[in-house]
Amino acid sequence: LRLGRQIGVSGPVEAAPIDTTPPPPLPLTLDQAVAEMRTRGPDVEAARAAERRADAIVLAEREQYLPAITVGATTGAYDAELFPSGTRRTQLAVSVSLPIWNGGQRELAVARARAEREVARAQRQDSERGAAELIAQAYHGYLTSRAGVELALVGVTVSSENFRVQRARYREGATTILDLLEAQVALSEAEAALVQSRYSTRLALAQIEALLGRRIFEASTIERTDR
């Protein structure tokens, strides 16, 4: 139900089964990932857009210091006819008003706009500085989880063989039921560790893709890896 709500479906939705192949290595280095995130990462781009918006607001508030110029023109024709043409009058007016003081409202608005611009600039700088930390955490998390999957596969293989041997020995009466149950529990724990390692790998990959704003592996690459 929660998955259906997340993707906009009314009702329960089943998740797609996770493939059983080892996760592929990342096609980019950590330095490349950091540089890409600082260049076009969604969070960094949003921070830069907020800073540009704050700059525009400051310019708009400063416009109140400029004089207002108004140009107007009127023309008219007078006569006793339906379409007058006897006398024509044209008037052109140009007015200029220079704001001097409006109770400090203009200065207050400019000060607020400058403060918001400083905040936006600080957030943008912090976002650029934090890019390396965030992407490194997700990047190394993927590497660690990927290595954990390999170790978990070895653990499942060893536990499966141990359980097979203990079951054969139990059938021959060479071991007790406790040894067989212990081997079965060890196999279950190894399989659970493998599932958790695969989940951690997918989660780390999703974090990297969210930080970079693009898919890391194309669909064709994933399908070819699954085969």
C-alpha atoms as a PDB file:
ATOM      1  CA  LEU A   1       0.000   0.000   0.000  1.00  0.00           C
ATOM      2  CA  ARG A   2       2.803   2.411   0.800  1.00  0.00           C
ATOM      3  CA  LEU A   3       4.542   1.609  -2.482  1.00  0.00           C
ATOM      4  CA  GLY A   4       1.313   2.217  -4.377  1.00  0.00           C
ATOM      5  CA  ARG A   5       0.880   5.551  -2.646  1.00  0.00           C
ATOM      6  CA  GLN A   6       4.436   6.577  -3.504  1.00  0.00           C
ATOM      7  CA  ILE A   7       3.952   5.936  -7.229  1.00  0.00           C
ATOM      8  CA  GLY A   8       0.400   7.297  -7.396  1.00  0.00           C
ATOM      9  CA  VAL A   9      -1.569   4.038  -7.575  1.00  0.00           C
ATOM     10  CA  SER A  10      -4.715   3.417  -5.563  1.00  0.00           C
ATOM     11  CA  GLY A  11      -4.221   0.054  -3.921  1.00  0.00           C
ATOM     12  CA  PRO A  12      -1.363  -2.325  -3.190  1.00  0.00           C
ATOM     13  CA  VAL A  13       1.533  -2.706  -5.620  1.00  0.00           C
ATOM     14  CA  GLU A  14       4.087  -5.502  -5.691  1.00  0.00           C
ATOM     15  CA  ALA A  15       7.750  -4.623  -6.055  1.00  0.00           C
ATOM     16  CA  ALA A  16       9.748  -6.060  -8.927  1.00  0.00           C
ATOM     17  CA  PRO A  17      11.980  -8.987  -7.915  1.00  0.00           C
ATOM     18  CA  ILE A  18      15.634  -8.171  -7.421  1.00  0.00           C
ATOM     19  CA  ASP A  19      18.004  -9.817  -9.851  1.00  0.00           C
ATOM     20  CA  THR A  20      20.404 -12.423  -8.521  1.00  0.00           C
ATOM     21  CA  THR A  21      23.454 -11.290 -10.489  1.00  0.00           C
ATOM     22  CA  PRO A  22      26.269  -9.419  -8.702  1.00  0.00           C
ATOM     23  CA  PRO A  23      25.951  -5.632  -9.020  1.00  0.00           C
ATOM     24  CA  PRO A  24      28.191  -4.182 -11.742  1.00  0.00           C
ATOM     25  CA  PRO A  25      31.013  -1.738 -10.946  1.00  0.00           C
ATOM     26  CA  LEU A  26      30.295   1.969 -11.226  1.00  0.00           C
ATOM     27  CA  PRO A  27      31.216   3.437 -14.621  1.00  0.00           C
ATOM     28  CA  LEU A  28      32.753   6.580 -13.100  1.00  0.00           C
ATOM     29  CA  THR A  29      35.349   7.406 -10.492  1.00  0.00           C
ATOM     30  CA  LEU A  30      34.707   9.300  -7.281  1.00  0.00           C
ATOM     31  CA  ASP A  31      36.396  12.442  -8.627  1.00  0.00           C
ATOM     32  CA  GLN A  32      34.227  12.326 -11.742  1.00  0.00           C
ATOM     33  CA  ALA A  33      31.093  11.909  -9.640  1.00  0.00           C
ATOM     34  CA  VAL A  34      32.020  14.867  -7.421  1.00  0.00           C
ATOM     35  CA  ALA A  35      32.781  17.068 -10.436  1.00  0.00           C
ATOM     36  CA  GLU A  36      29.509  16.103 -12.118  1.00  0.00           C
ATOM     37  CA  MET A  37      27.454  16.811  -9.025  1.00  0.00           C
ATOM     38  CA  ARG A  38      29.076  20.228  -8.561  1.00  0.00           C
ATOM     39  CA  THR A  39      28.409  21.007 -12.210  1.00  0.00           C
ATOM     40  CA  ARG A  40      24.846  19.815 -12.753  1.00  0.00           C
ATOM     41  CA  GLY A  41      23.600  18.122  -9.612  1.00  0.00           C
ATOM     42  CA  PRO A  42      19.915  18.874  -8.907  1.00  0.00           C
ATOM     43  CA  ASP A  43      20.573  20.205  -5.412  1.00  0.00           C
ATOM     44  CA  VAL A  44      23.410  22.434  -6.592  1.00  0.00           C
ATOM     45  CA  GLU A  45      21.380  23.664  -9.562  1.00  0.00           C
ATOM     46  CA  ALA A  46      18.463  24.482  -7.257  1.00  0.00           C
ATOM     47  CA  ALA A  47      20.769  26.434  -4.949  1.00  0.00           C
ATOM     48  CA  ARG A  48      22.199  28.391  -7.887  1.00  0.00           C
ATOM     49  CA  ALA A  49      18.713  29.160  -9.172  1.00  0.00           C
ATOM     50  CA  ALA A  50      17.719  30.426  -5.726  1.00  0.00           C
ATOM     51  CA  GLU A  51      20.762  32.699  -5.717  1.00  0.00           C
ATOM     52  CA  ARG A  52      19.911  34.076  -9.172  1.00  0.00           C
ATOM     53  CA  ARG A  53      16.354  34.705  -7.984  1.00  0.00           C
ATOM     54  CA  ALA A  54      17.679  36.600  -4.971  1.00  0.00           C
ATOM     55  CA  ASP A  55      19.921  38.715  -7.235  1.00  0.00           C
ATOM     56  CA  ALA A  56      16.927  39.570  -9.414  1.00  0.00           C
ATOM     57  CA  ILE A  57      14.914  40.615  -6.365  1.00  0.00           C
ATOM     58  CA  VAL A  58      17.713  42.951  -5.260  1.00  0.00           C
ATOM     59  CA  LEU A  59      17.816  44.580  -8.708  1.00  0.00           C
ATOM     60  CA  ALA A  60      14.038  44.957  -8.692  1.00  0.00           C
ATOM     61  CA  GLU A  61      14.083  46.644  -5.282  1.00  0.00           C
ATOM     62  CA  ARG A  62      16.881  49.012  -6.350  1.00  0.00           C
ATOM     63  CA  GLU A  63      14.713  50.139  -9.243  1.00  0.00           C
ATOM     64  CA  GLN A  64      12.685  52.170  -6.763  1.00  0.00           C
ATOM     65  CA  TYR A  65      15.607  54.634  -6.558  1.00  0.00           C
ATOM     66  CA  LEU A  66      15.288  55.499 -10.263  1.00  0.00           C
ATOM     67  CA  PRO A  67      13.056  58.361 -11.379  1.00  0.00           C
ATOM     68  CA  ALA A  68       9.716  57.572 -12.969  1.00  0.00           C
ATOM     69  CA  ILE A  69       9.215  59.048 -16.455  1.00  0.00           C
ATOM     70  CA  THR A  70       5.732  59.289 -17.950  1.00  0.00           C
ATOM     71  CA  VAL A  71       5.054  60.284 -21.549  1.00  0.00           C
ATOM     72  CA  GLY A  72       1.554  61.042 -22.757  1.00  0.00           C
ATOM     73  CA  ALA A  73       0.005  62.481 -25.901  1.00  0.00           C
ATOM     74  CA  THR A  74      -3.520  63.573 -26.840  1.00  0.00           C
ATOM     75  CA  THR A  75      -4.969  64.791 -30.119  1.00  0.00           C
ATOM     76  CA  GLY A  76      -8.391  66.128 -31.075  1.00  0.00           C
ATOM     77  CA  ALA A  77     -10.317  67.604 -33.993  1.00  0.00           C
ATOM     78  CA  TYR A  78     -13.205  70.102 -33.796  1.00  0.00           C
ATOM     79  CA  ASP A  79     -15.796  71.038 -36.429  1.00  0.00           C
ATOM     80  CA  ALA A  80     -19.537  71.221 -37.021  1.00  0.00           C
ATOM     81  CA  GLU A  81     -19.396  68.219 -39.324  1.00  0.00           C
ATOM     82  CA  LEU A  82     -19.888  64.580 -38.384  1.00  0.00           C
ATOM     83  CA  PHE A  83     -16.239  63.952 -39.155  1.00  0.00           C
ATOM     84  CA  PRO A  84     -14.514  67.078 -37.769  1.00  0.00           C
ATOM     85  CA  SER A  85     -11.589  68.484 -39.671  1.00  0.00           C
ATOM     86  CA  GLY A  86     -11.748  72.203 -39.074  1.00  0.00           C
ATOM     87  CA  THR A  87      -9.521  72.573 -36.061  1.00  0.00           C
ATOM     88  CA  ARG A  88      -6.988  70.112 -34.693  1.00  0.00           C
ATOM     89  CA  ARG A  89      -5.213  70.234 -31.350  1.00  0.00           C
ATOM     90  CA  THR A  90      -2.337  68.006 -30.266  1.00  0.00           C
ATOM     91  CA  GLN A  91      -0.823  67.913 -26.795  1.00  0.00           C
ATOM     92  CA  LEU A  92       2.347  66.128 -25.662  1.00  0.00           C
ATOM     93  CA  ALA A  93       3.229  65.804 -21.982  1.00  0.00           C
ATOM     94  CA  VAL A  94       6.350  64.443 -20.317  1.00  0.00           C
ATOM     95  CA  SER A  95       6.452  64.139 -16.529  1.00  0.00           C
ATOM     96  CA  VAL A  96       9.362  63.087 -14.358  1.00  0.00           C
ATOM     97  CA  SER A  97       9.027  62.172 -10.661  1.00  0.00           C
ATOM     98  CA  LEU A  98      12.000  61.485  -8.414  1.00  0.00           C
ATOM     99  CA  PRO A  99      11.267  59.602  -5.174  1.00  0.00           C
ATOM    100  CA  ILE A 100      13.100  61.161  -2.241  1.00  0.00           C
ATOM    101  CA  TRP A 101      11.709  59.583   0.917  1.00  0.00           C
ATOM    102  CA  ASN A 102       8.862  57.169   1.541  1.00  0.00           C
ATOM    103  CA  GLY A 103       9.267  56.534   5.213  1.00  0.00           C
ATOM    104  CA  GLY A 104      12.191  54.142   4.816  1.00  0.00           C
ATOM    105  CA  GLN A 105      10.096  51.447   3.107  1.00  0.00           C
ATOM    106  CA  ARG A 106      12.328  51.452   0.062  1.00  0.00           C
ATOM    107  CA  GLU A 107      15.514  51.089   2.109  1.00  0.00           C
ATOM    108  CA  LEU A 108      13.928  48.346   4.203  1.00  0.00           C
ATOM    109  CA  ALA A 109      12.915  46.391   1.114  1.00  0.00           C
ATOM    110  CA  VAL A 110      16.439  46.659  -0.326  1.00  0.00           C
ATOM    111  CA  ALA A 111      17.994  45.552   2.963  1.00  0.00           C
ATOM    112  CA  ARG A 112      15.708  42.518   3.129  1.00  0.00           C
ATOM    113  CA  ALA A 113      16.491  41.613  -0.463  1.00  0.00           C
ATOM    114  CA  ARG A 114      20.231  41.847   0.202  1.00  0.00           C
ATOM    115  CA  ALA A 115      19.914  39.656   3.302  1.00  0.00           C
ATOM    116  CA  GLU A 116      17.990  37.026   1.332  1.00  0.00           C
ATOM    117  CA  ARG A 117      20.651  37.151  -1.360  1.00  0.00           C
ATOM    118  CA  GLU A 118      23.387  36.554   1.214  1.00  0.00           C
ATOM    119  CA  VAL A 119      21.459  33.598   2.603  1.00  0.00           C
ATOM    120  CA  ALA A 120      20.963  32.147  -0.895  1.00  0.00           C
ATOM    121  CA  ARG A 121      24.651  32.644  -1.675  1.00  0.00           C
ATOM    122  CA  ALA A 122      25.683  30.901   1.545  1.00  0.00           C
ATOM    123  CA  GLN A 123      23.340  28.002   0.795  1.00  0.00           C
ATOM    124  CA  ARG A 124      24.749  27.682  -2.713  1.00  0.00           C
ATOM    125  CA  GLN A 125      28.326  27.669  -1.438  1.00  0.00           C
ATOM    126  CA  ASP A 126      27.461  25.129   1.245  1.00  0.00           C
ATOM    127  CA  SER A 127      25.743  22.954  -1.360  1.00  0.00           C
ATOM    128  CA  GLU A 128      28.839  23.020  -3.561  1.00  0.00           C
ATOM    129  CA  ARG A 129      31.124  22.241  -0.623  1.00  0.00           C
ATOM    130  CA  GLY A 130      28.866  19.455   0.621  1.00  0.00           C
ATOM    131  CA  ALA A 131      28.718  17.796  -2.782  1.00  0.00           C
ATOM    132  CA  ALA A 132      31.951  15.905  -2.177  1.00  0.00           C
ATOM    133  CA  GLU A 133      30.773  14.620   1.192  1.00  0.00           C
ATOM    134  CA  LEU A 134      27.366  13.453  -0.010  1.00  0.00           C
ATOM    135  CA  ILE A 135      28.536  11.769  -3.182  1.00  0.00           C
ATOM    136  CA  ALA A 136      31.505  10.150  -1.406  1.00  0.00           C
ATOM    137  CA  GLN A 137      29.193   8.686   1.216  1.00  0.00           C
ATOM    138  CA  ALA A 138      26.880   7.197  -1.410  1.00  0.00           C
ATOM    139  CA  TYR A 139      29.782   6.124  -3.643  1.00  0.00           C
ATOM    140  CA  HIS A 140      31.657   4.242  -0.934  1.00  0.00           C
ATOM    141  CA  GLY A 141      28.365   2.880   0.353  1.00  0.00           C
ATOM    142  CA  TYR A 142      27.817   1.257  -3.026  1.00  0.00           C
ATOM    143  CA  LEU A 143      31.351  -0.174  -3.070  1.00  0.00           C
ATOM    144  CA  THR A 144      30.954  -1.527   0.448  1.00  0.00           C
ATOM    145  CA  SER A 145      27.550  -3.040  -0.270  1.00  0.00           C
ATOM    146  CA  ARG A 146      28.823  -4.544  -3.509  1.00  0.00           C
ATOM    147  CA  ALA A 147      31.672  -6.231  -1.635  1.00  0.00           C
ATOM    148  CA  GLY A 148      29.154  -7.343   0.977  1.00  0.00           C
ATOM    149  CA  VAL A 149      27.113  -9.055  -1.725  1.00  0.00           C
ATOM    150  CA  GLU A 150      30.162 -11.013  -2.843  1.00  0.00           C
ATOM    151  CA  LEU A 151      30.898 -12.098   0.729  1.00  0.00           C
ATOM    152  CA  ALA A 152      27.252 -12.960   1.326  1.00  0.00           C
ATOM    153  CA  LEU A 153      27.244 -15.167  -1.787  1.00  0.00           C
ATOM    154  CA  VAL A 154      30.239 -17.028  -0.424  1.00  0.00           C
ATOM    155  CA  GLY A 155      28.484 -17.353   2.930  1.00  0.00           C
ATOM    156  CA  VAL A 156      25.361 -18.784   1.302  1.00  0.00           C
ATOM    157  CA  THR A 157      27.454 -21.291  -0.666  1.00  0.00           C
ATOM    158  CA  VAL A 158      29.325 -22.424   2.433  1.00  0.00           C
ATOM    159  CA  SER A 159      26.152 -22.634   4.528  1.00  0.00           C
ATOM    160  CA  SER A 160      24.331 -24.571   1.811  1.00  0.00           C
ATOM    161  CA  GLU A 161      27.137 -27.120   1.586  1.00  0.00           C
ATOM    162  CA  ASN A 162      27.319 -27.397   5.367  1.00  0.00           C
ATOM    163  CA  PHE A 163      23.589 -27.964   5.576  1.00  0.00           C
ATOM    164  CA  ARG A 164      23.773 -30.608   2.845  1.00  0.00           C
ATOM    165  CA  VAL A 165      26.539 -32.446   4.694  1.00  0.00           C
ATOM    166  CA  GLN A 166      24.751 -32.226   8.049  1.00  0.00           C
ATOM    167  CA  ARG A 167      21.544 -33.516   6.500  1.00  0.00           C
ATOM    168  CA  ALA A 168      23.364 -36.456   4.912  1.00  0.00           C
ATOM    169  CA  ARG A 169      25.103 -37.255   8.186  1.00  0.00           C
ATOM    170  CA  TYR A 170      21.811 -37.016  10.064  1.00  0.00           C
ATOM    171  CA  ARG A 171      20.244 -39.506   7.685  1.00  0.00           C
ATOM    172  CA  GLU A 172      23.125 -41.874   8.371  1.00  0.00           C
ATOM    173  CA  GLY A 173      22.804 -41.336  12.117  1.00  0.00           C
ATOM    174  CA  ALA A 174      26.263 -39.762  12.408  1.00  0.00           C
ATOM    175  CA  THR A 175      25.017 -36.491  13.932  1.00  0.00           C
ATOM    176  CA  THR A 176      22.229 -35.129  16.096  1.00  0.00           C
ATOM    177  CA  ILE A 177      19.145 -33.125  15.231  1.00  0.00           C
ATOM    178  CA  LEU A 178      20.654 -30.104  16.968  1.00  0.00           C
ATOM    179  CA  ASP A 179      23.577 -30.017  14.540  1.00  0.00           C
ATOM    180  CA  LEU A 180      21.162 -30.234  11.620  1.00  0.00           C
ATOM    181  CA  LEU A 181      18.989 -27.413  12.978  1.00  0.00           C
ATOM    182  CA  GLU A 182      22.072 -25.312  13.633  1.00  0.00           C
ATOM    183  CA  ALA A 183      23.184 -25.739  10.020  1.00  0.00           C
ATOM    184  CA  GLN A 184      19.695 -24.849   8.807  1.00  0.00           C
ATOM    185  CA  VAL A 185      19.625 -21.680  10.926  1.00  0.00           C
ATOM    186  CA  ALA A 186      23.079 -20.697   9.628  1.00  0.00           C
ATOM    187  CA  LEU A 187      21.849 -21.110   6.055  1.00  0.00           C
ATOM    188  CA  SER A 188      18.806 -18.939   6.738  1.00  0.00           C
ATOM    189  CA  GLU A 189      20.970 -16.238   8.298  1.00  0.00           C
ATOM    190  CA  ALA A 190      23.344 -16.303   5.324  1.00  0.00           C
ATOM    191  CA  GLU A 191      20.445 -15.932   2.880  1.00  0.00           C
ATOM    192  CA  ALA A 192      19.045 -13.049   4.935  1.00  0.00           C
ATOM    193  CA  ALA A 193      22.456 -11.341   4.911  1.00  0.00           C
ATOM    194  CA  LEU A 194      22.557 -11.709   1.123  1.00  0.00           C
ATOM    195  CA  VAL A 195      19.139 -10.081   0.775  1.00  0.00           C
ATOM    196  CA  GLN A 196      20.201  -7.207   3.041  1.00  0.00           C
ATOM    197  CA  SER A 197      23.420  -6.690   1.077  1.00  0.00           C
ATOM    198  CA  ARG A 198      21.509  -6.515  -2.206  1.00  0.00           C
ATOM    199  CA  TYR A 199      19.078  -4.039  -0.688  1.00  0.00           C
ATOM    200  CA  SER A 200      21.939  -1.854   0.564  1.00  0.00           C
ATOM    201  CA  THR A 201      23.515  -1.896  -2.890  1.00  0.00           C
ATOM    202  CA  ARG A 202      20.291  -0.799  -4.588  1.00  0.00           C
ATOM    203  CA  LEU A 203      19.766   1.910  -1.979  1.00  0.00           C
ATOM    204  CA  ALA A 204      23.298   3.289  -2.402  1.00  0.00           C
ATOM    205  CA  LEU A 205      22.878   3.289  -6.182  1.00  0.00           C
ATOM    206  CA  ALA A 206      19.587   5.157  -5.864  1.00  0.00           C
ATOM    207  CA  GLN A 207      21.289   7.764  -3.666  1.00  0.00           C
ATOM    208  CA  ILE A 208      24.022   8.291  -6.256  1.00  0.00           C
ATOM    209  CA  GLU A 209      21.445   8.670  -9.034  1.00  0.00           C
ATOM    210  CA  ALA A 210      19.433  11.141  -6.947  1.00  0.00           C
ATOM    211  CA  LEU A 211      22.526  13.256  -6.272  1.00  0.00           C
ATOM    212  CA  LEU A 212      23.615  13.265  -9.931  1.00  0.00           C
ATOM    213  CA  GLY A 213      20.104  13.584 -11.354  1.00  0.00           C
ATOM    214  CA  ARG A 214      20.485  10.797 -13.914  1.00  0.00           C
ATOM    215  CA  ARG A 215      20.521   7.024 -14.259  1.00  0.00           C
ATOM    216  CA  ILE A 216      23.926   5.430 -13.761  1.00  0.00           C
ATOM    217  CA  PHE A 217      23.256   2.256 -15.712  1.00  0.00           C
ATOM    218  CA  GLU A 218      21.183   2.236 -18.868  1.00  0.00           C
ATOM    219  CA  ALA A 219      18.382  -0.299 -19.191  1.00  0.00           C
ATOM    220  CA  SER A 220      20.236  -2.154 -21.922  1.00  0.00           C
ATOM    221  CA  THR A 221      23.333  -2.444 -19.726  1.00  0.00           C
ATOM    222  CA  ILE A 222      21.330  -3.846 -16.816  1.00  0.00           C
ATOM    223  CA  GLU A 223      19.532  -6.358 -19.030  1.00  0.00           C
ATOM    224  CA  ARG A 224      22.819  -7.472 -20.564  1.00  0.00           C
ATOM    225  CA  THR A 225      24.311  -7.874 -17.076  1.00  0.00           C
ATOM    226  CA  ASP A 226      21.305  -9.934 -15.950  1.00  0.00           C
ATOM    227  CA  ARG A 227      21.784 -12.294 -18.855  1.00  0.00           C
END
